Amino acid sequence: MPVQIQLLDAGNAAMLRRVAPGSPPVSMSADISQTLARQAMFLLLLAAIGLAACGKSSEQMERESVARQAAMQKVLADSVAEEHEKDRRMRDAAAAEANERIARDTAAHELEVASAAAAGPTPEQQQAERANTLRKYADRLIQSLYDPSSAQVRKMELSPKQNGMCAEFNAKTKAGSFAGFKRVVVTDARVAVEEPPVRDTLNEFLLFQIAARDTGCFPDVEKLRILQ
């Protein structure tokens, strides 16, 4: 069926309606009234806003502008403070975690050290300690000689009581010749060289006997009676 279009003018608004041929024109009074009412309310609202703005003095508008700026600055400052607080909490949490990890590692290390101490030194550690002790006593012996560069040391052993070194050494005398190998006891207190029990070297002989007995070096000295 052909469709006819009627153009209705309602307050500068063009509206199209489709009507069937022979049908009476559709009434648009209700739609036009609603449209006009909405336009009137919008115009009244704009007028009220304009009157409100026009009714304010420049001083009031300036105060409102200052207030808006202050509010914006406060919001910005609060945002920055919140970010700083978040950063601080993150740093504190990271520091606490690091301290906790350090405490755990320290406790584990202390436990390991305590366990190792309870178990005692390993054979490798004992051997290294023995070598260092012998080196210390040998250096003490060599430095006590007239010609340290000529020293020849053999049969170095820690004393049975672990408080000295038993050894034999040979070195050049003041005359420039080797005196021959002699037994010696080296402790932290002295270097006691075995000398013959004659008048000139009797004191050295006695010191050697005492040192040998104190350290357990050279068991044959136990057979000698120093004092009659």
C-alpha atoms as a PDB file:
ATOM      1  CA  MET A   1       0.000   0.000   0.000  1.00  0.00           C
ATOM      2  CA  PRO A   2       1.457   3.412  -0.857  1.00  0.00           C
ATOM      3  CA  VAL A   3       2.533   5.496   2.112  1.00  0.00           C
ATOM      4  CA  GLN A   4       1.983   9.258   2.307  1.00  0.00           C
ATOM      5  CA  ILE A   5       4.142  11.562   4.452  1.00  0.00           C
ATOM      6  CA  GLN A   6       2.693  14.619   6.194  1.00  0.00           C
ATOM      7  CA  LEU A   7       5.015  17.466   7.372  1.00  0.00           C
ATOM      8  CA  LEU A   8       3.863  19.128  10.553  1.00  0.00           C
ATOM      9  CA  ASP A   9       5.430  22.347  11.812  1.00  0.00           C
ATOM     10  CA  ALA A  10       5.689  22.448  15.596  1.00  0.00           C
ATOM     11  CA  GLY A  11       7.844  25.261  17.045  1.00  0.00           C
ATOM     12  CA  ASN A  12      10.484  25.176  14.319  1.00  0.00           C
ATOM     13  CA  ALA A  13      10.679  21.362  14.586  1.00  0.00           C
ATOM     14  CA  ALA A  14      10.058  19.250  11.532  1.00  0.00           C
ATOM     15  CA  MET A  15       8.384  15.971  12.200  1.00  0.00           C
ATOM     16  CA  LEU A  16       7.559  13.265   9.709  1.00  0.00           C
ATOM     17  CA  ARG A  17       4.728  10.882  10.077  1.00  0.00           C
ATOM     18  CA  ARG A  18       3.876   8.024   7.780  1.00  0.00           C
ATOM     19  CA  VAL A  19       0.169   7.755   7.034  1.00  0.00           C
ATOM     20  CA  ALA A  20      -1.806   5.478   4.834  1.00  0.00           C
ATOM     21  CA  PRO A  21      -3.749   6.937   1.925  1.00  0.00           C
ATOM     22  CA  GLY A  22      -7.201   7.907   2.960  1.00  0.00           C
ATOM     23  CA  SER A  23      -6.266   7.955   6.697  1.00  0.00           C
ATOM     24  CA  PRO A  24      -6.998  11.105   8.686  1.00  0.00           C
ATOM     25  CA  PRO A  25      -3.964  13.165   9.865  1.00  0.00           C
ATOM     26  CA  VAL A  26      -2.412  11.864  13.094  1.00  0.00           C
ATOM     27  CA  SER A  27      -2.709  14.242  16.046  1.00  0.00           C
ATOM     28  CA  MET A  28       0.737  15.385  17.326  1.00  0.00           C
ATOM     29  CA  SER A  29      -0.416  17.838  20.008  1.00  0.00           C
ATOM     30  CA  ALA A  30       0.827  15.689  22.926  1.00  0.00           C
ATOM     31  CA  ASP A  31       4.312  15.225  21.421  1.00  0.00           C
ATOM     32  CA  ILE A  32       4.565  18.916  20.620  1.00  0.00           C
ATOM     33  CA  SER A  33       3.565  19.863  24.158  1.00  0.00           C
ATOM     34  CA  GLN A  34       6.208  17.582  25.716  1.00  0.00           C
ATOM     35  CA  THR A  35       8.922  18.919  23.426  1.00  0.00           C
ATOM     36  CA  LEU A  36       8.014  22.520  24.198  1.00  0.00           C
ATOM     37  CA  ALA A  37       7.960  21.804  27.918  1.00  0.00           C
ATOM     38  CA  ARG A  38      11.449  20.270  27.834  1.00  0.00           C
ATOM     39  CA  GLN A  39      12.813  23.210  25.863  1.00  0.00           C
ATOM     40  CA  ALA A  40      11.282  25.642  28.330  1.00  0.00           C
ATOM     41  CA  MET A  41      12.826  23.851  31.330  1.00  0.00           C
ATOM     42  CA  PHE A  42      16.246  23.864  29.649  1.00  0.00           C
ATOM     43  CA  LEU A  43      15.988  27.584  28.921  1.00  0.00           C
ATOM     44  CA  LEU A  44      14.926  28.284  32.490  1.00  0.00           C
ATOM     45  CA  LEU A  45      17.917  26.314  33.812  1.00  0.00           C
ATOM     46  CA  LEU A  46      20.323  28.234  31.603  1.00  0.00           C
ATOM     47  CA  ALA A  47      18.758  31.495  32.710  1.00  0.00           C
ATOM     48  CA  ALA A  48      19.108  30.519  36.376  1.00  0.00           C
ATOM     49  CA  ILE A  49      22.767  29.636  35.903  1.00  0.00           C
ATOM     50  CA  GLY A  50      23.370  32.900  34.096  1.00  0.00           C
ATOM     51  CA  LEU A  51      21.617  34.902  36.783  1.00  0.00           C
ATOM     52  CA  ALA A  52      23.610  33.123  39.486  1.00  0.00           C
ATOM     53  CA  ALA A  53      26.880  33.898  37.717  1.00  0.00           C
ATOM     54  CA  CYS A  54      25.851  37.437  37.010  1.00  0.00           C
ATOM     55  CA  GLY A  55      24.838  37.997  40.585  1.00  0.00           C
ATOM     56  CA  LYS A  56      28.372  37.272  41.893  1.00  0.00           C
ATOM     57  CA  SER A  57      30.904  40.008  42.316  1.00  0.00           C
ATOM     58  CA  SER A  58      34.438  39.739  41.014  1.00  0.00           C
ATOM     59  CA  GLU A  59      35.663  39.360  44.583  1.00  0.00           C
ATOM     60  CA  GLN A  60      33.418  36.343  45.159  1.00  0.00           C
ATOM     61  CA  MET A  61      34.507  34.794  41.909  1.00  0.00           C
ATOM     62  CA  GLU A  62      38.145  35.340  42.871  1.00  0.00           C
ATOM     63  CA  ARG A  63      37.576  33.709  46.252  1.00  0.00           C
ATOM     64  CA  GLU A  64      35.913  30.748  44.596  1.00  0.00           C
ATOM     65  CA  SER A  65      38.819  30.448  42.170  1.00  0.00           C
ATOM     66  CA  VAL A  66      41.308  30.548  45.044  1.00  0.00           C
ATOM     67  CA  ALA A  67      39.256  27.969  46.914  1.00  0.00           C
ATOM     68  CA  ARG A  68      39.198  25.674  43.870  1.00  0.00           C
ATOM     69  CA  GLN A  69      42.972  26.017  43.457  1.00  0.00           C
ATOM     70  CA  ALA A  70      43.511  25.294  47.140  1.00  0.00           C
ATOM     71  CA  ALA A  71      41.291  22.234  46.903  1.00  0.00           C
ATOM     72  CA  MET A  72      43.193  20.998  43.853  1.00  0.00           C
ATOM     73  CA  GLN A  73      46.526  21.571  45.600  1.00  0.00           C
ATOM     74  CA  LYS A  74      45.272  19.678  48.663  1.00  0.00           C
ATOM     75  CA  VAL A  75      44.163  16.769  46.523  1.00  0.00           C
ATOM     76  CA  LEU A  76      47.568  16.751  44.808  1.00  0.00           C
ATOM     77  CA  ALA A  77      49.430  16.981  48.121  1.00  0.00           C
ATOM     78  CA  ASP A  78      47.337  14.149  49.568  1.00  0.00           C
ATOM     79  CA  SER A  79      48.093  12.024  46.509  1.00  0.00           C
ATOM     80  CA  VAL A  80      51.846  12.687  46.787  1.00  0.00           C
ATOM     81  CA  ALA A  81      51.771  11.944  50.522  1.00  0.00           C
ATOM     82  CA  GLU A  82      49.923   8.689  49.861  1.00  0.00           C
ATOM     83  CA  GLU A  83      52.540   7.637  47.277  1.00  0.00           C
ATOM     84  CA  HIS A  84      55.332   8.483  49.715  1.00  0.00           C
ATOM     85  CA  GLU A  85      53.628   6.433  52.411  1.00  0.00           C
ATOM     86  CA  LYS A  86      53.326   3.494  50.025  1.00  0.00           C
ATOM     87  CA  ASP A  87      57.034   3.776  49.164  1.00  0.00           C
ATOM     88  CA  ARG A  88      57.933   3.923  52.866  1.00  0.00           C
ATOM     89  CA  ARG A  89      55.888   0.831  53.644  1.00  0.00           C
ATOM     90  CA  MET A  90      57.513  -1.005  50.738  1.00  0.00           C
ATOM     91  CA  ARG A  91      61.004  -0.019  51.930  1.00  0.00           C
ATOM     92  CA  ASP A  92      60.199  -1.045  55.492  1.00  0.00           C
ATOM     93  CA  ALA A  93      58.865  -4.388  54.304  1.00  0.00           C
ATOM     94  CA  ALA A  94      61.962  -4.983  52.161  1.00  0.00           C
ATOM     95  CA  ALA A  95      64.283  -4.046  55.046  1.00  0.00           C
ATOM     96  CA  ALA A  96      62.401  -6.337  57.431  1.00  0.00           C
ATOM     97  CA  GLU A  97      62.632  -9.195  54.943  1.00  0.00           C
ATOM     98  CA  ALA A  98      66.373  -8.596  54.444  1.00  0.00           C
ATOM     99  CA  ASN A  99      66.974  -8.498  58.217  1.00  0.00           C
ATOM    100  CA  GLU A 100      65.014 -11.692  58.663  1.00  0.00           C
ATOM    101  CA  ARG A 101      67.032 -13.399  55.933  1.00  0.00           C
ATOM    102  CA  ILE A 102      70.311 -12.213  57.500  1.00  0.00           C
ATOM    103  CA  ALA A 103      69.174 -13.477  60.896  1.00  0.00           C
ATOM    104  CA  ARG A 104      68.323 -16.885  59.415  1.00  0.00           C
ATOM    105  CA  ASP A 105      71.673 -17.101  57.606  1.00  0.00           C
ATOM    106  CA  THR A 106      73.553 -16.047  60.747  1.00  0.00           C
ATOM    107  CA  ALA A 107      71.734 -18.619  62.866  1.00  0.00           C
ATOM    108  CA  ALA A 108      72.449 -21.325  60.291  1.00  0.00           C
ATOM    109  CA  HIS A 109      76.140 -20.361  60.173  1.00  0.00           C
ATOM    110  CA  GLU A 110      76.430 -20.358  63.958  1.00  0.00           C
ATOM    111  CA  LEU A 111      74.774 -23.765  64.088  1.00  0.00           C
ATOM    112  CA  GLU A 112      77.190 -25.058  61.466  1.00  0.00           C
ATOM    113  CA  VAL A 113      80.186 -23.675  63.382  1.00  0.00           C
ATOM    114  CA  ALA A 114      78.913 -25.174  66.639  1.00  0.00           C
ATOM    115  CA  SER A 115      78.387 -28.543  64.987  1.00  0.00           C
ATOM    116  CA  ALA A 116      81.877 -28.446  63.498  1.00  0.00           C
ATOM    117  CA  ALA A 117      83.374 -27.513  66.872  1.00  0.00           C
ATOM    118  CA  ALA A 118      81.514 -30.352  68.576  1.00  0.00           C
ATOM    119  CA  ALA A 119      82.710 -32.793  65.941  1.00  0.00           C
ATOM    120  CA  GLY A 120      86.317 -31.643  66.365  1.00  0.00           C
ATOM    121  CA  PRO A 121      88.872 -30.755  63.695  1.00  0.00           C
ATOM    122  CA  THR A 122      89.059 -32.853  60.562  1.00  0.00           C
ATOM    123  CA  PRO A 123      92.231 -34.829  59.764  1.00  0.00           C
ATOM    124  CA  GLU A 124      93.170 -32.204  57.180  1.00  0.00           C
ATOM    125  CA  GLN A 125      92.762 -29.447  59.754  1.00  0.00           C
ATOM    126  CA  GLN A 126      94.837 -31.373  62.279  1.00  0.00           C
ATOM    127  CA  GLN A 127      97.601 -31.905  59.735  1.00  0.00           C
ATOM    128  CA  ALA A 128      97.605 -28.232  58.748  1.00  0.00           C
ATOM    129  CA  GLU A 129      97.726 -27.140  62.404  1.00  0.00           C
ATOM    130  CA  ARG A 130     100.593 -29.533  63.115  1.00  0.00           C
ATOM    131  CA  ALA A 131     102.555 -28.210  60.120  1.00  0.00           C
ATOM    132  CA  ASN A 132     102.038 -24.608  61.223  1.00  0.00           C
ATOM    133  CA  THR A 133     103.177 -25.405  64.761  1.00  0.00           C
ATOM    134  CA  LEU A 134     106.323 -27.168  63.542  1.00  0.00           C
ATOM    135  CA  ARG A 135     107.092 -24.261  61.224  1.00  0.00           C
ATOM    136  CA  LYS A 136     106.767 -21.838  64.116  1.00  0.00           C
ATOM    137  CA  TYR A 137     109.167 -23.819  66.315  1.00  0.00           C
ATOM    138  CA  ALA A 138     111.631 -24.349  63.450  1.00  0.00           C
ATOM    139  CA  ASP A 139     111.702 -20.599  62.759  1.00  0.00           C
ATOM    140  CA  ARG A 140     112.367 -19.965  66.452  1.00  0.00           C
ATOM    141  CA  LEU A 141     115.255 -22.452  66.385  1.00  0.00           C
ATOM    142  CA  ILE A 142     116.825 -21.009  63.226  1.00  0.00           C
ATOM    143  CA  GLN A 143     116.645 -17.433  64.475  1.00  0.00           C
ATOM    144  CA  SER A 144     118.514 -18.444  67.656  1.00  0.00           C
ATOM    145  CA  LEU A 145     121.560 -19.690  65.694  1.00  0.00           C
ATOM    146  CA  TYR A 146     124.738 -17.763  64.987  1.00  0.00           C
ATOM    147  CA  ASP A 147     124.391 -18.374  61.230  1.00  0.00           C
ATOM    148  CA  PRO A 148     120.691 -18.972  60.465  1.00  0.00           C
ATOM    149  CA  SER A 149     121.323 -19.396  56.734  1.00  0.00           C
ATOM    150  CA  SER A 150     123.462 -22.478  57.393  1.00  0.00           C
ATOM    151  CA  ALA A 151     120.858 -24.272  59.520  1.00  0.00           C
ATOM    152  CA  GLN A 152     120.066 -27.901  58.769  1.00  0.00           C
ATOM    153  CA  VAL A 153     117.089 -29.322  60.680  1.00  0.00           C
ATOM    154  CA  ARG A 154     115.901 -32.929  60.673  1.00  0.00           C
ATOM    155  CA  LYS A 155     113.624 -35.295  62.605  1.00  0.00           C
ATOM    156  CA  MET A 156     111.217 -32.530  63.542  1.00  0.00           C
ATOM    157  CA  GLU A 157     108.317 -33.824  65.619  1.00  0.00           C
ATOM    158  CA  LEU A 158     105.858 -32.330  68.011  1.00  0.00           C
ATOM    159  CA  SER A 159     106.603 -33.352  71.557  1.00  0.00           C
ATOM    160  CA  PRO A 160     104.479 -36.131  73.095  1.00  0.00           C
ATOM    161  CA  LYS A 161     102.922 -33.559  75.431  1.00  0.00           C
ATOM    162  CA  GLN A 162     102.108 -31.254  72.467  1.00  0.00           C
ATOM    163  CA  ASN A 163     103.936 -28.319  74.094  1.00  0.00           C
ATOM    164  CA  GLY A 164     107.128 -28.176  72.060  1.00  0.00           C
ATOM    165  CA  MET A 165     109.220 -29.581  69.220  1.00  0.00           C
ATOM    166  CA  CYS A 166     111.832 -32.299  69.333  1.00  0.00           C
ATOM    167  CA  ALA A 167     114.457 -32.130  66.560  1.00  0.00           C
ATOM    168  CA  GLU A 168     118.085 -32.383  65.540  1.00  0.00           C
ATOM    169  CA  PHE A 169     119.965 -29.528  63.892  1.00  0.00           C
ATOM    170  CA  ASN A 170     123.369 -28.617  62.509  1.00  0.00           C
ATOM    171  CA  ALA A 171     124.731 -25.144  61.785  1.00  0.00           C
ATOM    172  CA  LYS A 172     127.973 -23.237  61.392  1.00  0.00           C
ATOM    173  CA  THR A 173     129.708 -21.883  64.471  1.00  0.00           C
ATOM    174  CA  LYS A 174     131.612 -18.618  64.841  1.00  0.00           C
ATOM    175  CA  ALA A 175     134.643 -20.424  63.423  1.00  0.00           C
ATOM    176  CA  GLY A 176     132.716 -20.999  60.190  1.00  0.00           C
ATOM    177  CA  SER A 177     132.549 -24.784  60.452  1.00  0.00           C
ATOM    178  CA  PHE A 178     129.610 -27.060  61.143  1.00  0.00           C
ATOM    179  CA  ALA A 179     129.402 -28.276  64.711  1.00  0.00           C
ATOM    180  CA  GLY A 180     127.571 -31.493  63.879  1.00  0.00           C
ATOM    181  CA  PHE A 181     123.992 -32.494  64.589  1.00  0.00           C
ATOM    182  CA  LYS A 182     122.722 -31.935  68.097  1.00  0.00           C
ATOM    183  CA  ARG A 183     119.421 -32.689  69.742  1.00  0.00           C
ATOM    184  CA  VAL A 184     117.258 -29.730  70.643  1.00  0.00           C
ATOM    185  CA  VAL A 185     113.960 -29.025  72.405  1.00  0.00           C
ATOM    186  CA  VAL A 186     112.096 -25.903  71.273  1.00  0.00           C
ATOM    187  CA  THR A 187     109.197 -24.486  73.312  1.00  0.00           C
ATOM    188  CA  ASP A 188     107.504 -21.124  73.540  1.00  0.00           C
ATOM    189  CA  ALA A 189     109.810 -20.299  76.457  1.00  0.00           C
ATOM    190  CA  ARG A 190     113.255 -21.381  75.216  1.00  0.00           C
ATOM    191  CA  VAL A 191     115.483 -23.213  72.752  1.00  0.00           C
ATOM    192  CA  ALA A 192     117.309 -25.905  74.745  1.00  0.00           C
ATOM    193  CA  VAL A 193     120.284 -27.453  72.918  1.00  0.00           C
ATOM    194  CA  GLU A 194     121.838 -30.643  74.234  1.00  0.00           C
ATOM    195  CA  GLU A 195     125.415 -29.963  75.344  1.00  0.00           C
ATOM    196  CA  PRO A 196     127.898 -32.217  77.134  1.00  0.00           C
ATOM    197  CA  PRO A 197     127.834 -32.113  80.929  1.00  0.00           C
ATOM    198  CA  VAL A 198     131.136 -30.278  81.324  1.00  0.00           C
ATOM    199  CA  ARG A 199     131.911 -27.122  83.247  1.00  0.00           C
ATOM    200  CA  ASP A 200     131.568 -24.709  80.294  1.00  0.00           C
ATOM    201  CA  THR A 201     128.244 -26.079  79.084  1.00  0.00           C
ATOM    202  CA  LEU A 202     126.779 -27.546  82.269  1.00  0.00           C
ATOM    203  CA  ASN A 203     124.016 -24.953  82.432  1.00  0.00           C
ATOM    204  CA  GLU A 204     122.921 -25.716  78.849  1.00  0.00           C
ATOM    205  CA  PHE A 205     123.028 -29.444  79.635  1.00  0.00           C
ATOM    206  CA  LEU A 206     120.708 -29.004  82.627  1.00  0.00           C
ATOM    207  CA  LEU A 207     118.275 -26.786  80.683  1.00  0.00           C
ATOM    208  CA  PHE A 208     118.067 -29.412  77.956  1.00  0.00           C
ATOM    209  CA  GLN A 209     117.338 -32.163  80.512  1.00  0.00           C
ATOM    210  CA  ILE A 210     114.557 -30.102  82.097  1.00  0.00           C
ATOM    211  CA  ALA A 211     113.016 -29.184  78.738  1.00  0.00           C
ATOM    212  CA  ALA A 212     113.131 -32.807  77.559  1.00  0.00           C
ATOM    213  CA  ARG A 213     111.326 -33.965  80.707  1.00  0.00           C
ATOM    214  CA  ASP A 214     108.709 -31.170  80.487  1.00  0.00           C
ATOM    215  CA  THR A 215     107.849 -31.944  76.858  1.00  0.00           C
ATOM    216  CA  GLY A 216     108.371 -35.709  76.770  1.00  0.00           C
ATOM    217  CA  CYS A 217     111.098 -35.438  74.127  1.00  0.00           C
ATOM    218  CA  PHE A 218     113.924 -37.976  74.056  1.00  0.00           C
ATOM    219  CA  PRO A 219     112.808 -40.549  76.665  1.00  0.00           C
ATOM    220  CA  ASP A 220     116.424 -41.599  77.319  1.00  0.00           C
ATOM    221  CA  VAL A 221     116.977 -38.455  79.423  1.00  0.00           C
ATOM    222  CA  GLU A 222     114.633 -39.937  82.031  1.00  0.00           C
ATOM    223  CA  LYS A 223     117.360 -42.429  82.808  1.00  0.00           C
ATOM    224  CA  LEU A 224     119.793 -39.712  83.794  1.00  0.00           C
ATOM    225  CA  ARG A 225     119.901 -38.448  87.335  1.00  0.00           C
ATOM    226  CA  ILE A 226     120.669 -34.765  87.268  1.00  0.00           C
ATOM    227  CA  LEU A 227     121.056 -34.357  91.000  1.00  0.00           C
ATOM    228  CA  GLN A 228     122.984 -36.927  93.048  1.00  0.00           C
END
